[in-house]
């Protein structure tokens, strides 16, 4: 299980990291592209998710392939499969953290 305050501190560490503006620029370029449909725009949100989860969570053993529909992390020796296509906008801190907390503590 992961408590909410731990999750908040991981999120805050990620967005305050010196390389976050580069990640943000890349993701926002996708999210704001006028010709993309809503499903395709999820790829921009996935950019935030993949970088956050890859750098601040342990990956489950044997999880070589991660996608926006199936990203597996290990929390407290439990493997948790996250469907990132259901994730709210990463930049909506409160909604995102509430969703992530719920998913990590099922």
PDB file of N, CA and C in Angstrom:
ATOM      1  N   UNK A   1       0.833  -1.189   0.000  1.00  0.00           N
ATOM      2  CA  UNK A   1       0.000   0.000   0.000  1.00  0.00           C
ATOM      3  C   UNK A   1       0.875   1.249   0.000  1.00  0.00           C
ATOM      4  N   UNK A   2       0.355   2.291  -0.555  1.00  0.00           N
ATOM      5  CA  UNK A   2       1.079   3.554  -0.564  1.00  0.00           C
ATOM      6  C   UNK A   2       0.168   4.623   0.007  1.00  0.00           C
ATOM      7  N   UNK A   3       0.681   5.327   1.020  1.00  0.00           N
ATOM      8  CA  UNK A   3      -0.159   6.373   1.601  1.00  0.00           C
ATOM      9  C   UNK A   3      -0.158   7.616   0.703  1.00  0.00           C
ATOM     10  N   UNK A   4      -1.165   8.427   0.882  1.00  0.00           N
ATOM     11  CA  UNK A   4      -1.385   9.581   0.024  1.00  0.00           C
ATOM     12  C   UNK A   4      -0.248  10.599   0.124  1.00  0.00           C
ATOM     13  N   UNK A   5       0.255  10.824   1.311  1.00  0.00           N
ATOM     14  CA  UNK A   5       1.319  11.828   1.463  1.00  0.00           C
ATOM     15  C   UNK A   5       2.601  11.388   0.758  1.00  0.00           C
ATOM     16  N   UNK A   6       2.888  10.100   0.735  1.00  0.00           N
ATOM     17  CA  UNK A   6       4.061   9.588   0.008  1.00  0.00           C
ATOM     18  C   UNK A   6       3.869   9.827  -1.485  1.00  0.00           C
ATOM     19  N   UNK A   7       2.676   9.548  -1.979  1.00  0.00           N
ATOM     20  CA  UNK A   7       2.372   9.762  -3.382  1.00  0.00           C
ATOM     21  C   UNK A   7       2.494  11.244  -3.750  1.00  0.00           C
ATOM     22  N   UNK A   8       1.992  12.107  -2.880  1.00  0.00           N
ATOM     23  CA  UNK A   8       2.125  13.558  -3.100  1.00  0.00           C
ATOM     24  C   UNK A   8       3.584  13.969  -3.195  1.00  0.00           C
ATOM     25  N   UNK A   9       4.411  13.439  -2.303  1.00  0.00           N
ATOM     26  CA  UNK A   9       5.830  13.830  -2.310  1.00  0.00           C
ATOM     27  C   UNK A   9       6.533  13.341  -3.579  1.00  0.00           C
ATOM     28  N   UNK A  10       6.169  12.166  -4.078  1.00  0.00           N
ATOM     29  CA  UNK A  10       6.743  11.676  -5.334  1.00  0.00           C
ATOM     30  C   UNK A  10       6.327  12.553  -6.508  1.00  0.00           C
ATOM     31  N   UNK A  11       5.056  12.911  -6.548  1.00  0.00           N
ATOM     32  CA  UNK A  11       4.534  13.775  -7.615  1.00  0.00           C
ATOM     33  C   UNK A  11       5.246  15.131  -7.575  1.00  0.00           C
ATOM     34  N   UNK A  12       5.332  15.711  -6.395  1.00  0.00           N
ATOM     35  CA  UNK A  12       5.971  17.027  -6.263  1.00  0.00           C
ATOM     36  C   UNK A  12       7.449  16.975  -6.631  1.00  0.00           C
ATOM     37  N   UNK A  13       8.125  15.901  -6.265  1.00  0.00           N
ATOM     38  CA  UNK A  13       9.539  15.751  -6.633  1.00  0.00           C
ATOM     39  C   UNK A  13       9.692  15.665  -8.150  1.00  0.00           C
ATOM     40  N   UNK A  14       8.759  14.985  -8.794  1.00  0.00           N
ATOM     41  CA  UNK A  14       8.804  14.846 -10.242  1.00  0.00           C
ATOM     42  C   UNK A  14       8.612  16.191 -10.930  1.00  0.00           C
ATOM     43  N   UNK A  15       7.575  16.920 -10.561  1.00  0.00           N
ATOM     44  CA  UNK A  15       7.315  18.184 -11.269  1.00  0.00           C
ATOM     45  C   UNK A  15       8.317  19.285 -10.910  1.00  0.00           C
ATOM     46  N   UNK A  16       9.031  19.112  -9.820  1.00  0.00           N
ATOM     47  CA  UNK A  16      10.034  20.120  -9.477  1.00  0.00           C
ATOM     48  C   UNK A  16      11.440  19.722  -9.956  1.00  0.00           C
ATOM     49  N   UNK A  17      11.562  18.569 -10.584  1.00  0.00           N
ATOM     50  CA  UNK A  17      12.855  18.117 -11.087  1.00  0.00           C
ATOM     51  C   UNK A  17      13.332  19.043 -12.201  1.00  0.00           C
ATOM     52  N   UNK A  18      14.620  19.223 -12.290  1.00  0.00           N
ATOM     53  CA  UNK A  18      15.181  20.155 -13.268  1.00  0.00           C
ATOM     54  C   UNK A  18      14.879  19.768 -14.719  1.00  0.00           C
ATOM     55  N   UNK A  19      14.620  18.498 -14.987  1.00  0.00           N
ATOM     56  CA  UNK A  19      14.325  18.070 -16.355  1.00  0.00           C
ATOM     57  C   UNK A  19      12.831  18.056 -16.668  1.00  0.00           C
ATOM     58  N   UNK A  20      11.997  18.386 -15.698  1.00  0.00           N
ATOM     59  CA  UNK A  20      10.553  18.369 -15.935  1.00  0.00           C
ATOM     60  C   UNK A  20      10.122  19.309 -17.063  1.00  0.00           C
ATOM     61  N   UNK A  21      10.686  20.505 -17.188  1.00  0.00           N
ATOM     62  CA  UNK A  21      10.258  21.371 -18.293  1.00  0.00           C
ATOM     63  C   UNK A  21      10.441  20.739 -19.677  1.00  0.00           C
ATOM     64  N   UNK A  22      11.435  19.897 -19.836  1.00  0.00           N
ATOM     65  CA  UNK A  22      11.646  19.214 -21.121  1.00  0.00           C
ATOM     66  C   UNK A  22      10.527  18.201 -21.358  1.00  0.00           C
ATOM     67  N   UNK A  23      10.206  17.435 -20.325  1.00  0.00           N
ATOM     68  CA  UNK A  23       9.120  16.452 -20.415  1.00  0.00           C
ATOM     69  C   UNK A  23       7.804  17.174 -20.694  1.00  0.00           C
ATOM     70  N   UNK A  24       7.598  18.268 -19.993  1.00  0.00           N
ATOM     71  CA  UNK A  24       6.363  19.036 -20.146  1.00  0.00           C
ATOM     72  C   UNK A  24       6.228  19.588 -21.565  1.00  0.00           C
ATOM     73  N   UNK A  25       7.300  20.110 -22.108  1.00  0.00           N
ATOM     74  CA  UNK A  25       7.257  20.657 -23.462  1.00  0.00           C
ATOM     75  C   UNK A  25       6.881  19.571 -24.472  1.00  0.00           C
ATOM     76  N   UNK A  26       7.481  18.392 -24.346  1.00  0.00           N
ATOM     77  CA  UNK A  26       7.185  17.295 -25.262  1.00  0.00           C
ATOM     78  C   UNK A  26       5.732  16.829 -25.123  1.00  0.00           C
ATOM     79  N   UNK A  27       5.282  16.651 -23.895  1.00  0.00           N
ATOM     80  CA  UNK A  27       3.917  16.177 -23.667  1.00  0.00           C
ATOM     81  C   UNK A  27       2.890  17.202 -24.127  1.00  0.00           C
ATOM     82  N   UNK A  28       3.111  18.451 -23.807  1.00  0.00           N
ATOM     83  CA  UNK A  28       2.150  19.492 -24.177  1.00  0.00           C
ATOM     84  C   UNK A  28       2.074  19.695 -25.682  1.00  0.00           C
ATOM     85  N   UNK A  29       3.174  19.465 -26.359  1.00  0.00           N
ATOM     86  CA  UNK A  29       3.170  19.566 -27.817  1.00  0.00           C
ATOM     87  C   UNK A  29       2.174  18.555 -28.391  1.00  0.00           C
ATOM     88  N   UNK A  30       2.146  17.363 -27.824  1.00  0.00           N
ATOM     89  CA  UNK A  30       1.190  16.345 -28.265  1.00  0.00           C
ATOM     90  C   UNK A  30      -0.217  16.715 -27.829  1.00  0.00           C
ATOM     91  N   UNK A  31      -0.382  17.073 -26.558  1.00  0.00           N
ATOM     92  CA  UNK A  31      -1.712  17.355 -26.023  1.00  0.00           C
ATOM     93  C   UNK A  31      -2.410  18.508 -26.738  1.00  0.00           C
ATOM     94  N   UNK A  32      -1.646  19.461 -27.244  1.00  0.00           N
ATOM     95  CA  UNK A  32      -2.241  20.640 -27.853  1.00  0.00           C
ATOM     96  C   UNK A  32      -2.294  20.592 -29.378  1.00  0.00           C
ATOM     97  N   UNK A  33      -1.887  19.468 -29.951  1.00  0.00           N
ATOM     98  CA  UNK A  33      -1.886  19.352 -31.405  1.00  0.00           C
ATOM     99  C   UNK A  33      -3.326  19.397 -31.908  1.00  0.00           C
ATOM    100  N   UNK A  34      -3.647  20.338 -32.784  1.00  0.00           N
ATOM    101  CA  UNK A  34      -5.041  20.546 -33.187  1.00  0.00           C
ATOM    102  C   UNK A  34      -5.657  19.419 -34.022  1.00  0.00           C
ATOM    103  N   UNK A  35      -4.846  18.605 -34.669  1.00  0.00           N
ATOM    104  CA  UNK A  35      -5.379  17.587 -35.559  1.00  0.00           C
ATOM    105  C   UNK A  35      -5.591  16.231 -34.885  1.00  0.00           C
ATOM    106  N   UNK A  36      -5.247  16.102 -33.616  1.00  0.00           N
ATOM    107  CA  UNK A  36      -5.372  14.826 -32.945  1.00  0.00           C
ATOM    108  C   UNK A  36      -6.733  14.653 -32.291  1.00  0.00           C
ATOM    109  N   UNK A  37      -7.245  13.425 -32.344  1.00  0.00           N
ATOM    110  CA  UNK A  37      -8.487  13.134 -31.647  1.00  0.00           C
ATOM    111  C   UNK A  37      -8.176  12.895 -30.166  1.00  0.00           C
ATOM    112  N   UNK A  38      -9.217  12.743 -29.377  1.00  0.00           N
ATOM    113  CA  UNK A  38      -9.036  12.605 -27.921  1.00  0.00           C
ATOM    114  C   UNK A  38      -8.216  11.370 -27.555  1.00  0.00           C
ATOM    115  N   UNK A  39      -8.443  10.263 -28.258  1.00  0.00           N
ATOM    116  CA  UNK A  39      -7.682   9.046 -27.966  1.00  0.00           C
ATOM    117  C   UNK A  39      -6.190   9.260 -28.210  1.00  0.00           C
ATOM    118  N   UNK A  40      -5.875   9.930 -29.296  1.00  0.00           N
ATOM    119  CA  UNK A  40      -4.468  10.192 -29.617  1.00  0.00           C
ATOM    120  C   UNK A  40      -3.833  11.161 -28.624  1.00  0.00           C
ATOM    121  N   UNK A  41      -4.637  12.096 -28.114  1.00  0.00           N
ATOM    122  CA  UNK A  41      -4.094  13.051 -27.151  1.00  0.00           C
ATOM    123  C   UNK A  41      -3.708  12.385 -25.839  1.00  0.00           C
ATOM    124  N   UNK A  42      -4.260  11.199 -25.579  1.00  0.00           N
ATOM    125  CA  UNK A  42      -3.891  10.470 -24.370  1.00  0.00           C
ATOM    126  C   UNK A  42      -2.403  10.125 -24.382  1.00  0.00           C
ATOM    127  N   UNK A  43      -1.810  10.086 -25.563  1.00  0.00           N
ATOM    128  CA  UNK A  43      -0.388   9.794 -25.666  1.00  0.00           C
ATOM    129  C   UNK A  43       0.416  10.891 -24.978  1.00  0.00           C
ATOM    130  N   UNK A  44      -0.040  12.136 -25.056  1.00  0.00           N
ATOM    131  CA  UNK A  44       0.640  13.225 -24.357  1.00  0.00           C
ATOM    132  C   UNK A  44       0.574  13.030 -22.859  1.00  0.00           C
ATOM    133  N   UNK A  45      -0.590  12.632 -22.362  1.00  0.00           N
ATOM    134  CA  UNK A  45      -0.739  12.364 -20.936  1.00  0.00           C
ATOM    135  C   UNK A  45       0.131  11.172 -20.545  1.00  0.00           C
ATOM    136  N   UNK A  46       0.208  10.195 -21.435  1.00  0.00           N
ATOM    137  CA  UNK A  46       1.033   9.025 -21.183  1.00  0.00           C
ATOM    138  C   UNK A  46       2.500   9.411 -21.043  1.00  0.00           C
ATOM    139  N   UNK A  47       2.933  10.426 -21.777  1.00  0.00           N
ATOM    140  CA  UNK A  47       4.328  10.876 -21.664  1.00  0.00           C
ATOM    141  C   UNK A  47       4.656  11.269 -20.226  1.00  0.00           C
ATOM    142  N   UNK A  48       3.746  12.008 -19.600  1.00  0.00           N
ATOM    143  CA  UNK A  48       3.940  12.348 -18.188  1.00  0.00           C
ATOM    144  C   UNK A  48       3.967  11.084 -17.325  1.00  0.00           C
ATOM    145  N   UNK A  49       2.971  10.222 -17.553  1.00  0.00           N
ATOM    146  CA  UNK A  49       2.855   9.011 -16.744  1.00  0.00           C
ATOM    147  C   UNK A  49       4.082   8.120 -16.842  1.00  0.00           C
ATOM    148  N   UNK A  50       4.522   7.855 -18.047  1.00  0.00           N
ATOM    149  CA  UNK A  50       5.636   6.925 -18.236  1.00  0.00           C
ATOM    150  C   UNK A  50       6.903   7.448 -17.569  1.00  0.00           C
ATOM    151  N   UNK A  51       7.147   8.733 -17.683  1.00  0.00           N
ATOM    152  CA  UNK A  51       8.344   9.302 -17.056  1.00  0.00           C
ATOM    153  C   UNK A  51       8.219   9.294 -15.529  1.00  0.00           C
ATOM    154  N   UNK A  52       7.059   9.638 -15.017  1.00  0.00           N
ATOM    155  CA  UNK A  52       6.829   9.635 -13.576  1.00  0.00           C
ATOM    156  C   UNK A  52       6.971   8.227 -13.008  1.00  0.00           C
ATOM    157  N   UNK A  53       6.266   7.280 -13.599  1.00  0.00           N
ATOM    158  CA  UNK A  53       6.286   5.918 -13.075  1.00  0.00           C
ATOM    159  C   UNK A  53       7.641   5.246 -13.256  1.00  0.00           C
ATOM    160  N   UNK A  54       8.278   5.489 -14.379  1.00  0.00           N
ATOM    161  CA  UNK A  54       9.581   4.868 -14.645  1.00  0.00           C
ATOM    162  C   UNK A  54      10.671   5.359 -13.707  1.00  0.00           C
ATOM    163  N   UNK A  55      10.564   6.604 -13.289  1.00  0.00           N
ATOM    164  CA  UNK A  55      11.622   7.191 -12.471  1.00  0.00           C
ATOM    165  C   UNK A  55      11.345   7.208 -10.976  1.00  0.00           C
ATOM    166  N   UNK A  56      10.088   7.047 -10.565  1.00  0.00           N
ATOM    167  CA  UNK A  56       9.757   7.167  -9.150  1.00  0.00           C
ATOM    168  C   UNK A  56       9.125   5.921  -8.546  1.00  0.00           C
ATOM    169  N   UNK A  57       8.957   4.876  -9.358  1.00  0.00           N
ATOM    170  CA  UNK A  57       8.384   3.622  -8.876  1.00  0.00           C
ATOM    171  C   UNK A  57       9.258   2.463  -9.333  1.00  0.00           C
ATOM    172  N   UNK A  58       9.201   1.369  -8.576  1.00  0.00           N
ATOM    173  CA  UNK A  58       9.868   0.150  -8.998  1.00  0.00           C
ATOM    174  C   UNK A  58       9.010  -0.528 -10.041  1.00  0.00           C
ATOM    175  N   UNK A  59       9.659  -1.031 -11.062  1.00  0.00           N
ATOM    176  CA  UNK A  59       8.930  -1.806 -12.062  1.00  0.00           C
ATOM    177  C   UNK A  59       8.774  -3.227 -11.578  1.00  0.00           C
ATOM    178  N   UNK A  60       7.670  -3.818 -11.944  1.00  0.00           N
ATOM    179  CA  UNK A  60       7.450  -5.214 -11.585  1.00  0.00           C
ATOM    180  C   UNK A  60       8.455  -6.072 -12.345  1.00  0.00           C
ATOM    181  N   UNK A  61       8.949  -7.098 -11.700  1.00  0.00           N
ATOM    182  CA  UNK A  61       9.896  -8.000 -12.350  1.00  0.00           C
ATOM    183  C   UNK A  61       9.225  -8.668 -13.540  1.00  0.00           C
ATOM    184  N   UNK A  62       9.956  -8.725 -14.632  1.00  0.00           N
ATOM    185  CA  UNK A  62       9.428  -9.354 -15.837  1.00  0.00           C
ATOM    186  C   UNK A  62       8.550  -8.458 -16.685  1.00  0.00           C
ATOM    187  N   UNK A  63       8.392  -7.212 -16.313  1.00  0.00           N
ATOM    188  CA  UNK A  63       7.562  -6.272 -17.084  1.00  0.00           C
ATOM    189  C   UNK A  63       8.444  -5.476 -18.036  1.00  0.00           C
ATOM    190  N   UNK A  64       8.777  -6.098 -19.140  1.00  0.00           N
ATOM    191  CA  UNK A  64       9.647  -5.437 -20.102  1.00  0.00           C
ATOM    192  C   UNK A  64       8.887  -4.448 -20.973  1.00  0.00           C
ATOM    193  N   UNK A  65       7.648  -4.783 -21.292  1.00  0.00           N
ATOM    194  CA  UNK A  65       6.869  -3.947 -22.185  1.00  0.00           C
ATOM    195  C   UNK A  65       5.806  -3.196 -21.399  1.00  0.00           C
ATOM    196  N   UNK A  66       5.849  -1.902 -21.509  1.00  0.00           N
ATOM    197  CA  UNK A  66       4.882  -1.051 -20.840  1.00  0.00           C
ATOM    198  C   UNK A  66       4.153  -0.263 -21.919  1.00  0.00           C
ATOM    199  N   UNK A  67       2.851  -0.123 -21.774  1.00  0.00           N
ATOM    200  CA  UNK A  67       2.059   0.658 -22.714  1.00  0.00           C
ATOM    201  C   UNK A  67       1.146   1.580 -21.916  1.00  0.00           C
ATOM    202  N   UNK A  68       0.430   2.459 -22.610  1.00  0.00           N
ATOM    203  CA  UNK A  68      -0.489   3.340 -21.881  1.00  0.00           C
ATOM    204  C   UNK A  68      -1.694   2.577 -21.356  1.00  0.00           C
ATOM    205  N   UNK A  69      -1.890   1.352 -21.835  1.00  0.00           N
ATOM    206  CA  UNK A  69      -2.994   0.547 -21.319  1.00  0.00           C
ATOM    207  C   UNK A  69      -2.555  -0.424 -20.228  1.00  0.00           C
ATOM    208  N   UNK A  70      -1.305  -0.769 -20.200  1.00  0.00           N
ATOM    209  CA  UNK A  70      -0.816  -1.712 -19.191  1.00  0.00           C
ATOM    210  C   UNK A  70       0.595  -1.328 -18.759  1.00  0.00           C
ATOM    211  N   UNK A  71       0.673  -0.646 -17.669  1.00  0.00           N
ATOM    212  CA  UNK A  71       1.962  -0.283 -17.083  1.00  0.00           C
ATOM    213  C   UNK A  71       1.981  -0.890 -15.692  1.00  0.00           C
ATOM    214  N   UNK A  72       2.976  -1.726 -15.422  1.00  0.00           N
ATOM    215  CA  UNK A  72       3.008  -2.456 -14.164  1.00  0.00           C
ATOM    216  C   UNK A  72       4.111  -1.924 -13.258  1.00  0.00           C
ATOM    217  N   UNK A  73       3.730  -1.591 -12.029  1.00  0.00           N
ATOM    218  CA  UNK A  73       4.681  -1.142 -11.015  1.00  0.00           C
ATOM    219  C   UNK A  73       4.613  -2.107  -9.836  1.00  0.00           C
ATOM    220  N   UNK A  74       5.631  -2.052  -9.024  1.00  0.00           N
ATOM    221  CA  UNK A  74       5.663  -2.868  -7.821  1.00  0.00           C
ATOM    222  C   UNK A  74       5.639  -1.929  -6.620  1.00  0.00           C
ATOM    223  N   UNK A  75       4.654  -2.113  -5.749  1.00  0.00           N
ATOM    224  CA  UNK A  75       4.511  -1.305  -4.544  1.00  0.00           C
ATOM    225  C   UNK A  75       4.311  -2.258  -3.376  1.00  0.00           C
ATOM    226  N   UNK A  76       5.168  -2.157  -2.374  1.00  0.00           N
ATOM    227  CA  UNK A  76       5.082  -3.026  -1.196  1.00  0.00           C
ATOM    228  C   UNK A  76       5.031  -4.502  -1.592  1.00  0.00           C
ATOM    229  N   UNK A  77       5.912  -4.864  -2.503  1.00  0.00           N
ATOM    230  CA  UNK A  77       6.022  -6.249  -2.988  1.00  0.00           C
ATOM    231  C   UNK A  77       4.766  -6.761  -3.691  1.00  0.00           C
ATOM    232  N   UNK A  78       3.931  -5.850  -4.158  1.00  0.00           N
ATOM    233  CA  UNK A  78       2.749  -6.225  -4.949  1.00  0.00           C
ATOM    234  C   UNK A  78       2.896  -5.629  -6.338  1.00  0.00           C
ATOM    235  N   UNK A  79       2.626  -6.436  -7.352  1.00  0.00           N
ATOM    236  CA  UNK A  79       2.620  -5.929  -8.715  1.00  0.00           C
ATOM    237  C   UNK A  79       1.241  -5.356  -9.015  1.00  0.00           C
ATOM    238  N   UNK A  80       1.219  -4.128  -9.501  1.00  0.00           N
ATOM    239  CA  UNK A  80      -0.034  -3.434  -9.774  1.00  0.00           C
ATOM    240  C   UNK A  80      -0.029  -3.006 -11.239  1.00  0.00           C
ATOM    241  N   UNK A  81      -1.040  -3.457 -11.969  1.00  0.00           N
ATOM    242  CA  UNK A  81      -1.185  -3.099 -13.372  1.00  0.00           C
ATOM    243  C   UNK A  81      -2.069  -1.861 -13.451  1.00  0.00           C
ATOM    244  N   UNK A  82      -1.526  -0.809 -13.999  1.00  0.00           N
ATOM    245  CA  UNK A  82      -2.259   0.445 -14.161  1.00  0.00           C
ATOM    246  C   UNK A  82      -2.701   0.588 -15.612  1.00  0.00           C
ATOM    247  N   UNK A  83      -3.940   0.932 -15.828  1.00  0.00           N
ATOM    248  CA  UNK A  83      -4.425   1.252 -17.162  1.00  0.00           C
ATOM    249  C   UNK A  83      -4.342   2.766 -17.297  1.00  0.00           C
ATOM    250  N   UNK A  84      -3.269   3.231 -17.891  1.00  0.00           N
ATOM    251  CA  UNK A  84      -3.018   4.662 -17.968  1.00  0.00           C
ATOM    252  C   UNK A  84      -3.948   5.384 -18.935  1.00  0.00           C
ATOM    253  N   UNK A  85      -4.651   4.639 -19.769  1.00  0.00           N
ATOM    254  CA  UNK A  85      -5.632   5.309 -20.635  1.00  0.00           C
ATOM    255  C   UNK A  85      -6.810   5.815 -19.811  1.00  0.00           C
ATOM    256  N   UNK A  86      -6.960   5.323 -18.582  1.00  0.00           N
ATOM    257  CA  UNK A  86      -8.015   5.794 -17.683  1.00  0.00           C
ATOM    258  C   UNK A  86      -7.541   6.918 -16.754  1.00  0.00           C
ATOM    259  N   UNK A  87      -6.270   7.242 -16.815  1.00  0.00           N
ATOM    260  CA  UNK A  87      -5.716   8.256 -15.916  1.00  0.00           C
ATOM    261  C   UNK A  87      -6.228   9.637 -16.275  1.00  0.00           C
ATOM    262  N   UNK A  88      -6.570  10.420 -15.258  1.00  0.00           N
ATOM    263  CA  UNK A  88      -6.937  11.815 -15.549  1.00  0.00           C
ATOM    264  C   UNK A  88      -5.702  12.595 -16.015  1.00  0.00           C
ATOM    265  N   UNK A  89      -5.941  13.797 -16.458  1.00  0.00           N
ATOM    266  CA  UNK A  89      -4.847  14.663 -16.890  1.00  0.00           C
ATOM    267  C   UNK A  89      -3.790  14.746 -15.789  1.00  0.00           C
ATOM    268  N   UNK A  90      -2.561  14.421 -16.129  1.00  0.00           N
ATOM    269  CA  UNK A  90      -1.477  14.419 -15.155  1.00  0.00           C
ATOM    270  C   UNK A  90      -1.317  15.777 -14.474  1.00  0.00           C
ATOM    271  N   UNK A  91      -1.566  16.839 -15.209  1.00  0.00           N
ATOM    272  CA  UNK A  91      -1.368  18.190 -14.667  1.00  0.00           C
ATOM    273  C   UNK A  91      -2.484  18.607 -13.704  1.00  0.00           C
ATOM    274  N   UNK A  92      -3.576  17.863 -13.653  1.00  0.00           N
ATOM    275  CA  UNK A  92      -4.633  18.107 -12.669  1.00  0.00           C
ATOM    276  C   UNK A  92      -4.238  17.328 -11.416  1.00  0.00           C
ATOM    277  N   UNK A  93      -3.399  17.932 -10.624  1.00  0.00           N
ATOM    278  CA  UNK A  93      -2.755  17.275  -9.488  1.00  0.00           C
ATOM    279  C   UNK A  93      -3.734  16.511  -8.592  1.00  0.00           C
ATOM    280  N   UNK A  94      -4.782  17.181  -8.154  1.00  0.00           N
ATOM    281  CA  UNK A  94      -5.715  16.555  -7.211  1.00  0.00           C
ATOM    282  C   UNK A  94      -6.415  15.343  -7.814  1.00  0.00           C
ATOM    283  N   UNK A  95      -6.925  15.492  -9.042  1.00  0.00           N
ATOM    284  CA  UNK A  95      -7.625  14.374  -9.690  1.00  0.00           C
ATOM    285  C   UNK A  95      -6.661  13.231  -9.979  1.00  0.00           C
ATOM    286  N   UNK A  96      -5.462  13.578 -10.437  1.00  0.00           N
ATOM    287  CA  UNK A  96      -4.481  12.545 -10.763  1.00  0.00           C
ATOM    288  C   UNK A  96      -4.045  11.776  -9.517  1.00  0.00           C
ATOM    289  N   UNK A  97      -3.733  12.494  -8.455  1.00  0.00           N
ATOM    290  CA  UNK A  97      -3.285  11.821  -7.227  1.00  0.00           C
ATOM    291  C   UNK A  97      -4.397  10.973  -6.615  1.00  0.00           C
ATOM    292  N   UNK A  98      -5.631  11.445  -6.678  1.00  0.00           N
ATOM    293  CA  UNK A  98      -6.749  10.650  -6.150  1.00  0.00           C
ATOM    294  C   UNK A  98      -6.896   9.362  -6.946  1.00  0.00           C
ATOM    295  N   UNK A  99      -6.790   9.459  -8.271  1.00  0.00           N
ATOM    296  CA  UNK A  99      -6.882   8.275  -9.126  1.00  0.00           C
ATOM    297  C   UNK A  99      -5.734   7.314  -8.842  1.00  0.00           C
ATOM    298  N   UNK A 100      -4.521   7.850  -8.807  1.00  0.00           N
ATOM    299  CA  UNK A 100      -3.336   7.002  -8.592  1.00  0.00           C
ATOM    300  C   UNK A 100      -3.400   6.324  -7.224  1.00  0.00           C
ATOM    301  N   UNK A 101      -3.789   7.056  -6.206  1.00  0.00           N
ATOM    302  CA  UNK A 101      -3.875   6.491  -4.855  1.00  0.00           C
ATOM    303  C   UNK A 101      -4.881   5.334  -4.839  1.00  0.00           C
ATOM    304  N   UNK A 102      -6.005   5.534  -5.483  1.00  0.00           N
ATOM    305  CA  UNK A 102      -7.020   4.479  -5.540  1.00  0.00           C
ATOM    306  C   UNK A 102      -6.474   3.251  -6.265  1.00  0.00           C
ATOM    307  N   UNK A 103      -5.809   3.467  -7.396  1.00  0.00           N
ATOM    308  CA  UNK A 103      -5.283   2.358  -8.188  1.00  0.00           C
ATOM    309  C   UNK A 103      -4.186   1.587  -7.434  1.00  0.00           C
ATOM    310  N   UNK A 104      -3.342   2.302  -6.728  1.00  0.00           N
ATOM    311  CA  UNK A 104      -2.227   1.656  -6.031  1.00  0.00           C
ATOM    312  C   UNK A 104      -2.655   0.925  -4.765  1.00  0.00           C
ATOM    313  N   UNK A 105      -3.852   1.213  -4.294  1.00  0.00           N
ATOM    314  CA  UNK A 105      -4.304   0.613  -3.029  1.00  0.00           C
ATOM    315  C   UNK A 105      -5.539  -0.266  -3.188  1.00  0.00           C
ATOM    316  N   UNK A 106      -5.747  -0.800  -4.364  1.00  0.00           N
ATOM    317  CA  UNK A 106      -6.885  -1.708  -4.589  1.00  0.00           C
ATOM    318  C   UNK A 106      -6.678  -3.006  -3.844  1.00  0.00           C
TER     319      UNK A 106
END
